[in-house]
């Protein structure tokens, strides 16, 4: 569907405007096939998902959307399996899963390093303060020794 010579965005879509998919649902809490296509296209072709998410929430169709996205994901996985031989596709999927787990491990390691660094900085600050206190005490001892020699 077009609005002012361009494709509609999800937040501009009103199911009452198009009756062509009325047989596919579209009642309260349901998405028509056209609505699913428009919404999924809007989500995948845009970095700003706010309007689409807001519209889904306002219409109360989050469950049908999740189901539609799961169906799309399964369909895309099957497309990958068919496009490649199955073993290569499984290797690719395993590689993607491995990369995701490596990214998670890297984030965890980064967090651990940040915690270790914070502790080292704290301990180092205490050691520097202790060193400064020792220098001050030695200076006092030296001053006392000089005063003792002058008085003696």
N, C-alpha and C. Protein backbone atom coordinates (compact mmCIF):
# COMPACT_ATOMS: atom_id res chain seq x y z
N UNK A 1 0.84 -1.18 0.00
CA UNK A 1 0.00 0.00 0.00
C UNK A 1 0.88 1.24 0.00
N UNK A 2 0.42 2.26 -0.70
CA UNK A 2 1.20 3.49 -0.82
C UNK A 2 0.50 4.63 -0.09
N UNK A 3 1.29 5.53 0.46
CA UNK A 3 0.81 6.75 1.07
C UNK A 3 1.62 7.87 0.45
N UNK A 4 0.95 8.83 -0.19
CA UNK A 4 1.63 9.97 -0.82
C UNK A 4 2.76 9.50 -1.72
N UNK A 5 2.53 8.44 -2.50
CA UNK A 5 3.51 7.98 -3.47
C UNK A 5 4.67 7.18 -2.90
N UNK A 6 4.61 6.78 -1.62
CA UNK A 6 5.68 5.99 -1.01
C UNK A 6 5.04 4.85 -0.23
N UNK A 7 5.88 3.87 0.14
CA UNK A 7 5.40 2.74 0.94
C UNK A 7 4.96 3.24 2.31
N UNK A 8 3.92 2.63 2.85
CA UNK A 8 3.48 2.98 4.20
C UNK A 8 4.47 2.43 5.22
N UNK A 9 4.63 3.18 6.28
CA UNK A 9 5.35 2.66 7.44
C UNK A 9 4.32 1.99 8.33
N UNK A 10 4.77 1.13 9.25
CA UNK A 10 3.83 0.40 10.10
C UNK A 10 2.96 1.34 10.91
N UNK A 11 3.54 2.44 11.42
CA UNK A 11 2.75 3.33 12.26
C UNK A 11 1.71 4.12 11.47
N UNK A 12 1.77 4.08 10.13
CA UNK A 12 0.77 4.74 9.30
C UNK A 12 -0.31 3.78 8.83
N UNK A 13 -0.13 2.50 9.15
CA UNK A 13 -1.01 1.48 8.63
C UNK A 13 -2.24 1.34 9.49
N UNK A 14 -3.39 1.23 8.87
CA UNK A 14 -4.64 1.01 9.57
C UNK A 14 -5.32 -0.16 8.88
N UNK A 15 -5.63 -1.21 9.61
CA UNK A 15 -6.16 -2.42 9.00
C UNK A 15 -7.51 -2.18 8.33
N UNK A 16 -8.24 -1.14 8.72
CA UNK A 16 -9.53 -0.87 8.10
C UNK A 16 -9.38 -0.38 6.66
N UNK A 17 -8.18 0.14 6.29
CA UNK A 17 -7.96 0.65 4.95
C UNK A 17 -7.89 -0.44 3.91
N UNK A 18 -7.45 -1.63 4.28
CA UNK A 18 -7.25 -2.72 3.33
C UNK A 18 -8.05 -3.93 3.76
N UNK A 19 -9.04 -4.30 2.97
CA UNK A 19 -9.86 -5.46 3.27
C UNK A 19 -9.41 -6.69 2.50
N UNK A 20 -8.30 -6.57 1.75
CA UNK A 20 -7.89 -7.66 0.88
C UNK A 20 -7.47 -8.89 1.65
N UNK A 21 -7.07 -8.76 2.92
CA UNK A 21 -6.66 -9.92 3.71
C UNK A 21 -7.62 -10.16 4.87
N UNK A 22 -8.84 -9.76 4.74
CA UNK A 22 -9.78 -9.89 5.84
C UNK A 22 -9.97 -11.34 6.26
N UNK A 23 -9.83 -12.26 5.34
CA UNK A 23 -10.00 -13.67 5.66
C UNK A 23 -8.86 -14.20 6.52
N UNK A 24 -7.75 -13.47 6.62
CA UNK A 24 -6.59 -13.94 7.37
C UNK A 24 -6.60 -13.45 8.81
N UNK A 25 -7.69 -12.89 9.25
CA UNK A 25 -7.74 -12.42 10.64
C UNK A 25 -7.94 -10.93 10.65
N UNK A 26 -7.19 -10.23 11.47
CA UNK A 26 -7.25 -8.79 11.51
C UNK A 26 -8.18 -8.26 12.57
N UNK A 27 -8.83 -9.14 13.34
CA UNK A 27 -9.68 -8.69 14.42
C UNK A 27 -8.83 -8.13 15.55
N UNK A 28 -9.48 -7.79 16.63
CA UNK A 28 -8.76 -7.28 17.79
C UNK A 28 -7.78 -8.33 18.27
N UNK A 29 -6.51 -7.96 18.40
CA UNK A 29 -5.49 -8.89 18.87
C UNK A 29 -4.96 -9.83 17.81
N UNK A 30 -5.31 -9.60 16.54
CA UNK A 30 -4.82 -10.44 15.45
C UNK A 30 -4.20 -9.57 14.38
N UNK A 31 -3.31 -10.16 13.60
CA UNK A 31 -2.68 -9.46 12.48
C UNK A 31 -3.10 -10.14 11.19
N UNK A 32 -3.42 -9.33 10.18
CA UNK A 32 -3.68 -9.90 8.86
C UNK A 32 -2.34 -10.23 8.22
N UNK A 33 -2.37 -11.01 7.16
CA UNK A 33 -1.15 -11.35 6.44
C UNK A 33 -0.46 -10.08 5.96
N UNK A 34 -1.22 -9.15 5.42
CA UNK A 34 -0.65 -7.89 4.93
C UNK A 34 -0.03 -7.11 6.08
N UNK A 35 -0.69 -7.07 7.22
CA UNK A 35 -0.13 -6.36 8.37
C UNK A 35 1.18 -6.99 8.81
N UNK A 36 1.23 -8.32 8.84
CA UNK A 36 2.47 -9.00 9.20
C UNK A 36 3.59 -8.63 8.25
N UNK A 37 3.28 -8.66 6.96
CA UNK A 37 4.31 -8.34 5.96
C UNK A 37 4.79 -6.91 6.10
N UNK A 38 3.86 -5.98 6.27
CA UNK A 38 4.22 -4.57 6.42
C UNK A 38 5.05 -4.37 7.68
N UNK A 39 4.63 -4.99 8.79
CA UNK A 39 5.33 -4.83 10.05
C UNK A 39 6.72 -5.43 9.99
N UNK A 40 6.83 -6.64 9.49
CA UNK A 40 8.14 -7.29 9.43
C UNK A 40 9.07 -6.53 8.49
N UNK A 41 8.55 -6.06 7.37
CA UNK A 41 9.36 -5.26 6.45
C UNK A 41 9.81 -3.98 7.15
N UNK A 42 8.92 -3.37 7.90
CA UNK A 42 9.28 -2.16 8.63
C UNK A 42 10.35 -2.41 9.67
N UNK A 43 10.28 -3.55 10.32
CA UNK A 43 11.28 -3.87 11.35
C UNK A 43 12.63 -4.21 10.74
N UNK A 44 12.62 -4.92 9.61
CA UNK A 44 13.89 -5.35 9.03
C UNK A 44 14.53 -4.27 8.17
N UNK A 45 13.76 -3.33 7.66
CA UNK A 45 14.31 -2.31 6.77
C UNK A 45 14.59 -1.00 7.48
N UNK A 46 14.41 -0.95 8.78
CA UNK A 46 14.55 0.32 9.49
C UNK A 46 15.35 0.12 10.76
N UNK A 47 16.13 1.13 11.10
CA UNK A 47 16.85 1.09 12.38
C UNK A 47 15.97 1.63 13.50
N UNK A 48 14.94 2.40 13.15
CA UNK A 48 14.04 2.98 14.14
C UNK A 48 12.81 2.09 14.26
N UNK A 49 12.81 1.22 15.26
CA UNK A 49 11.70 0.30 15.43
C UNK A 49 10.65 0.85 16.40
N UNK A 50 10.90 2.02 16.94
CA UNK A 50 9.99 2.59 17.93
C UNK A 50 8.55 2.70 17.46
N UNK A 51 8.29 3.30 16.28
CA UNK A 51 6.90 3.42 15.84
C UNK A 51 6.22 2.07 15.67
N UNK A 52 6.93 1.09 15.15
CA UNK A 52 6.34 -0.23 14.94
C UNK A 52 6.04 -0.89 16.28
N UNK A 53 6.97 -0.81 17.21
CA UNK A 53 6.76 -1.43 18.52
C UNK A 53 5.60 -0.75 19.24
N UNK A 54 5.54 0.57 19.14
CA UNK A 54 4.45 1.31 19.77
C UNK A 54 3.10 0.90 19.18
N UNK A 55 3.03 0.79 17.85
CA UNK A 55 1.79 0.40 17.20
C UNK A 55 1.38 -1.02 17.59
N UNK A 56 2.33 -1.92 17.67
CA UNK A 56 2.04 -3.30 18.08
C UNK A 56 1.49 -3.30 19.50
N UNK A 57 2.12 -2.56 20.39
CA UNK A 57 1.67 -2.49 21.78
C UNK A 57 0.26 -1.90 21.86
N UNK A 58 0.02 -0.82 21.13
CA UNK A 58 -1.29 -0.16 21.18
C UNK A 58 -2.40 -1.07 20.67
N UNK A 59 -2.10 -1.89 19.67
CA UNK A 59 -3.11 -2.79 19.11
C UNK A 59 -3.23 -4.08 19.88
N UNK A 60 -2.27 -4.36 20.77
CA UNK A 60 -2.32 -5.59 21.55
C UNK A 60 -2.06 -6.83 20.72
N UNK A 61 -1.14 -6.72 19.75
CA UNK A 61 -0.86 -7.85 18.86
C UNK A 61 0.58 -8.32 18.99
N UNK A 62 1.16 -8.22 20.17
CA UNK A 62 2.56 -8.62 20.32
C UNK A 62 2.74 -10.12 20.17
N UNK A 63 1.80 -10.93 20.69
CA UNK A 63 1.93 -12.38 20.55
C UNK A 63 1.88 -12.82 19.10
N UNK A 64 0.91 -12.33 18.28
CA UNK A 64 0.92 -12.71 16.87
C UNK A 64 2.19 -12.23 16.15
N UNK A 65 2.73 -11.08 16.57
CA UNK A 65 3.96 -10.59 15.95
C UNK A 65 5.13 -11.52 16.27
N UNK A 66 5.24 -11.91 17.53
CA UNK A 66 6.33 -12.82 17.91
C UNK A 66 6.20 -14.13 17.13
N UNK A 67 4.99 -14.63 17.01
CA UNK A 67 4.76 -15.87 16.23
C UNK A 67 5.16 -15.65 14.78
N UNK A 68 4.79 -14.52 14.21
CA UNK A 68 5.15 -14.23 12.81
C UNK A 68 6.66 -14.12 12.64
N UNK A 69 7.34 -13.50 13.61
CA UNK A 69 8.80 -13.40 13.53
C UNK A 69 9.46 -14.76 13.69
N UNK A 70 8.91 -15.61 14.56
CA UNK A 70 9.45 -16.97 14.70
C UNK A 70 9.27 -17.75 13.41
N UNK A 71 8.10 -17.58 12.78
CA UNK A 71 7.85 -18.26 11.49
C UNK A 71 8.83 -17.76 10.43
N UNK A 72 9.06 -16.45 10.42
CA UNK A 72 10.00 -15.88 9.46
C UNK A 72 11.41 -16.40 9.71
N UNK A 73 11.80 -16.48 10.97
CA UNK A 73 13.12 -17.00 11.31
C UNK A 73 13.27 -18.45 10.86
N UNK A 74 12.26 -19.26 11.12
CA UNK A 74 12.30 -20.67 10.68
C UNK A 74 12.35 -20.76 9.16
N UNK A 75 11.59 -19.91 8.50
CA UNK A 75 11.59 -19.91 7.03
C UNK A 75 12.97 -19.51 6.50
N UNK A 76 13.59 -18.49 7.10
CA UNK A 76 14.92 -18.07 6.65
C UNK A 76 15.95 -19.16 6.92
N UNK A 77 15.83 -19.85 8.04
CA UNK A 77 16.74 -20.96 8.33
C UNK A 77 16.58 -22.06 7.29
N UNK A 78 15.34 -22.37 6.92
CA UNK A 78 15.11 -23.37 5.87
C UNK A 78 15.66 -22.90 4.53
N UNK A 79 15.52 -21.60 4.24
CA UNK A 79 16.08 -21.07 3.00
C UNK A 79 17.59 -21.26 2.96
N UNK A 80 18.23 -21.03 4.10
CA UNK A 80 19.69 -21.22 4.17
C UNK A 80 20.03 -22.68 3.93
N UNK A 81 19.28 -23.57 4.59
CA UNK A 81 19.54 -25.01 4.42
C UNK A 81 19.37 -25.44 2.97
N UNK A 82 18.38 -24.87 2.28
CA UNK A 82 18.15 -25.24 0.89
C UNK A 82 19.18 -24.61 -0.03
N UNK A 83 19.61 -23.40 0.27
CA UNK A 83 20.57 -22.71 -0.60
C UNK A 83 21.95 -23.37 -0.54
N UNK A 84 22.32 -23.85 0.59
CA UNK A 84 23.61 -24.52 0.77
C UNK A 84 23.31 -26.01 0.94
N UNK A 85 24.33 -26.81 0.83
CA UNK A 85 24.04 -28.17 1.23
C UNK A 85 23.91 -28.15 2.74
N UNK A 86 23.21 -29.10 3.28
CA UNK A 86 22.82 -29.05 4.68
C UNK A 86 24.03 -28.98 5.62
N UNK A 87 25.09 -29.69 5.31
CA UNK A 87 26.25 -29.69 6.21
C UNK A 87 26.90 -28.31 6.28
N UNK A 88 27.02 -27.65 5.13
CA UNK A 88 27.60 -26.29 5.15
C UNK A 88 26.71 -25.33 5.91
N UNK A 89 25.41 -25.48 5.73
CA UNK A 89 24.48 -24.60 6.43
C UNK A 89 24.58 -24.82 7.94
N UNK A 90 24.66 -26.09 8.35
CA UNK A 90 24.79 -26.36 9.78
C UNK A 90 26.11 -25.83 10.31
N UNK A 91 27.19 -25.98 9.51
CA UNK A 91 28.48 -25.41 9.91
C UNK A 91 28.39 -23.90 10.06
N UNK A 92 27.70 -23.26 9.13
CA UNK A 92 27.55 -21.81 9.19
C UNK A 92 26.76 -21.41 10.44
N UNK A 93 25.68 -22.13 10.71
CA UNK A 93 24.87 -21.81 11.89
C UNK A 93 25.68 -22.04 13.17
N UNK A 94 26.46 -23.11 13.20
CA UNK A 94 27.32 -23.36 14.37
C UNK A 94 28.34 -22.23 14.51
N UNK A 95 28.88 -21.78 13.39
CA UNK A 95 29.86 -20.69 13.43
C UNK A 95 29.23 -19.41 13.97
N UNK A 96 28.02 -19.14 13.53
CA UNK A 96 27.33 -17.95 14.03
C UNK A 96 27.08 -18.08 15.53
N UNK A 97 26.64 -19.27 15.96
CA UNK A 97 26.40 -19.48 17.39
C UNK A 97 27.71 -19.34 18.17
N UNK A 98 28.79 -19.85 17.61
CA UNK A 98 30.09 -19.73 18.27
C UNK A 98 30.51 -18.27 18.37
N UNK A 99 30.30 -17.51 17.29
CA UNK A 99 30.66 -16.09 17.33
C UNK A 99 29.83 -15.36 18.38
N UNK A 100 28.55 -15.69 18.49
CA UNK A 100 27.71 -15.05 19.51
C UNK A 100 28.21 -15.41 20.90
N UNK A 101 28.55 -16.68 21.11
CA UNK A 101 29.05 -17.06 22.44
C UNK A 101 30.40 -16.41 22.72
N UNK A 102 31.26 -16.29 21.70
CA UNK A 102 32.54 -15.61 21.90
C UNK A 102 32.33 -14.14 22.24
N UNK A 103 31.36 -13.52 21.59
CA UNK A 103 31.07 -12.12 21.89
C UNK A 103 30.59 -11.98 23.34
N UNK A 104 29.74 -12.92 23.78
CA UNK A 104 29.27 -12.88 25.16
C UNK A 104 30.43 -13.09 26.14
N UNK A 105 31.32 -14.04 25.81
CA UNK A 105 32.48 -14.28 26.66
C UNK A 105 33.40 -13.07 26.69
N UNK A 106 33.57 -12.42 25.55
CA UNK A 106 34.40 -11.21 25.51
C UNK A 106 33.81 -10.11 26.38
N UNK A 107 32.50 -9.95 26.32
CA UNK A 107 31.84 -8.94 27.16
C UNK A 107 32.02 -9.28 28.64
N UNK A 108 31.90 -10.57 28.98
CA UNK A 108 32.09 -10.99 30.36
C UNK A 108 33.53 -10.75 30.79
N UNK A 109 34.48 -11.09 29.93
CA UNK A 109 35.89 -10.84 30.24
C UNK A 109 36.16 -9.37 30.41
N UNK A 110 35.57 -8.55 29.56
CA UNK A 110 35.75 -7.11 29.68
C UNK A 110 35.22 -6.61 31.02
N UNK A 111 34.08 -7.15 31.43
CA UNK A 111 33.51 -6.77 32.72
C UNK A 111 34.42 -7.21 33.86
N UNK A 112 34.95 -8.42 33.76
CA UNK A 112 35.86 -8.90 34.81
C UNK A 112 37.13 -8.04 34.87
N UNK A 113 37.66 -7.69 33.69
CA UNK A 113 38.85 -6.84 33.65
C UNK A 113 38.57 -5.48 34.27
N UNK A 114 37.41 -4.93 34.00
CA UNK A 114 37.05 -3.64 34.58
C UNK A 114 36.99 -3.74 36.10
N UNK A 115 36.44 -4.84 36.62
CA UNK A 115 36.38 -5.04 38.07
C UNK A 115 37.78 -5.18 38.66
N UNK A 116 38.63 -5.96 38.00
CA UNK A 116 40.00 -6.14 38.47
C UNK A 116 40.74 -4.80 38.45
N UNK A 117 40.57 -4.04 37.37
CA UNK A 117 41.21 -2.73 37.27
C UNK A 117 40.75 -1.80 38.39
N UNK A 118 39.47 -1.81 38.69
CA UNK A 118 38.95 -0.96 39.76
C UNK A 118 39.58 -1.34 41.10
N UNK A 119 39.69 -2.65 41.36
CA UNK A 119 40.32 -3.10 42.61
C UNK A 119 41.80 -2.71 42.65
N UNK A 120 42.50 -2.88 41.51
CA UNK A 120 43.92 -2.50 41.46
C UNK A 120 44.09 -1.00 41.69
N UNK A 121 43.24 -0.21 41.09
CA UNK A 121 43.32 1.24 41.28
C UNK A 121 43.10 1.59 42.75
N UNK A 122 42.12 0.94 43.38
CA UNK A 122 41.83 1.20 44.79
C UNK A 122 43.01 0.79 45.67
N UNK A 123 43.52 -0.43 45.43
CA UNK A 123 44.67 -0.90 46.21
C UNK A 123 45.89 -0.02 45.97
N UNK A 124 46.11 0.37 44.73
CA UNK A 124 47.24 1.24 44.40
C UNK A 124 47.14 2.58 45.09
N UNK A 125 45.94 3.13 45.17
CA UNK A 125 45.75 4.42 45.85
C UNK A 125 46.09 4.29 47.33
N UNK A 126 45.68 3.16 47.94
CA UNK A 126 46.01 2.94 49.37
C UNK A 126 47.51 2.80 49.55
N UNK A 127 48.18 2.08 48.65
CA UNK A 127 49.64 1.93 48.75
C UNK A 127 50.36 3.26 48.58
N UNK A 128 49.88 4.08 47.63
CA UNK A 128 50.50 5.39 47.44
C UNK A 128 50.32 6.25 48.70
N UNK A 129 49.16 6.17 49.33
CA UNK A 129 48.93 6.93 50.56
C UNK A 129 49.84 6.43 51.67
N UNK A 130 49.99 5.11 51.75
CA UNK A 130 50.88 4.53 52.78
C UNK A 130 52.32 4.97 52.53
N UNK A 131 52.74 4.99 51.27
CA UNK A 131 54.10 5.44 50.93
C UNK A 131 54.28 6.89 51.34
N UNK A 132 53.29 7.71 51.06
CA UNK A 132 53.36 9.12 51.43
C UNK A 132 53.45 9.27 52.95
N UNK A 133 52.69 8.46 53.67
CA UNK A 133 52.74 8.50 55.14
C UNK A 133 54.12 8.10 55.65
N UNK A 134 54.73 7.09 55.04
CA UNK A 134 56.08 6.65 55.45
C UNK A 134 57.08 7.76 55.19
N UNK A 135 57.00 8.42 54.03
CA UNK A 135 57.92 9.52 53.72
C UNK A 135 57.76 10.63 54.75
N UNK A 136 56.50 10.97 55.08
CA UNK A 136 56.25 12.01 56.08
C UNK A 136 56.83 11.62 57.44
N UNK A 137 56.65 10.35 57.83
CA UNK A 137 57.18 9.89 59.11
C UNK A 137 58.71 9.95 59.13
N UNK A 138 59.35 9.57 58.03
CA UNK A 138 60.82 9.62 57.97
C UNK A 138 61.31 11.06 58.05
N UNK A 139 60.57 11.96 57.40
CA UNK A 139 60.94 13.37 57.47
C UNK A 139 60.83 13.87 58.91
N UNK A 140 59.76 13.45 59.60
CA UNK A 140 59.60 13.83 61.01
C UNK A 140 60.74 13.27 61.85
N UNK A 141 61.09 11.99 61.62
CA UNK A 141 62.20 11.38 62.36
C UNK A 141 63.49 12.13 62.11
N UNK A 142 63.74 12.49 60.85
CA UNK A 142 64.95 13.23 60.51
C UNK A 142 64.95 14.59 61.22
N UNK A 143 63.82 15.29 61.20
CA UNK A 143 63.70 16.59 61.87
C UNK A 143 63.93 16.45 63.39
N UNK A 144 63.34 15.40 63.98
CA UNK A 144 63.53 15.16 65.41
C UNK A 144 65.00 14.86 65.73
N UNK A 145 65.62 14.08 64.87
CA UNK A 145 67.05 13.74 65.08
C UNK A 145 67.90 15.00 65.00
N UNK A 146 67.62 15.90 64.05
CA UNK A 146 68.37 17.13 63.93
C UNK A 146 68.12 18.05 65.14
N UNK A 147 66.87 18.10 65.56
CA UNK A 147 66.55 18.93 66.73
C UNK A 147 67.23 18.39 67.97
N UNK A 148 67.32 17.08 68.11
CA UNK A 148 67.98 16.44 69.23
C UNK A 148 69.48 16.79 69.23
N UNK A 149 70.08 16.78 68.03
CA UNK A 149 71.51 17.10 67.91
C UNK A 149 71.75 18.57 68.25
N UNK A 150 70.87 19.42 67.84
CA UNK A 150 71.04 20.86 68.11
C UNK A 150 70.90 21.10 69.61
N UNK A 151 69.99 20.44 70.24
CA UNK A 151 69.74 20.64 71.67
C UNK A 151 70.81 19.94 72.52
N UNK A 152 71.50 18.98 71.96
CA UNK A 152 72.47 18.23 72.75
C UNK A 152 73.80 18.91 72.86
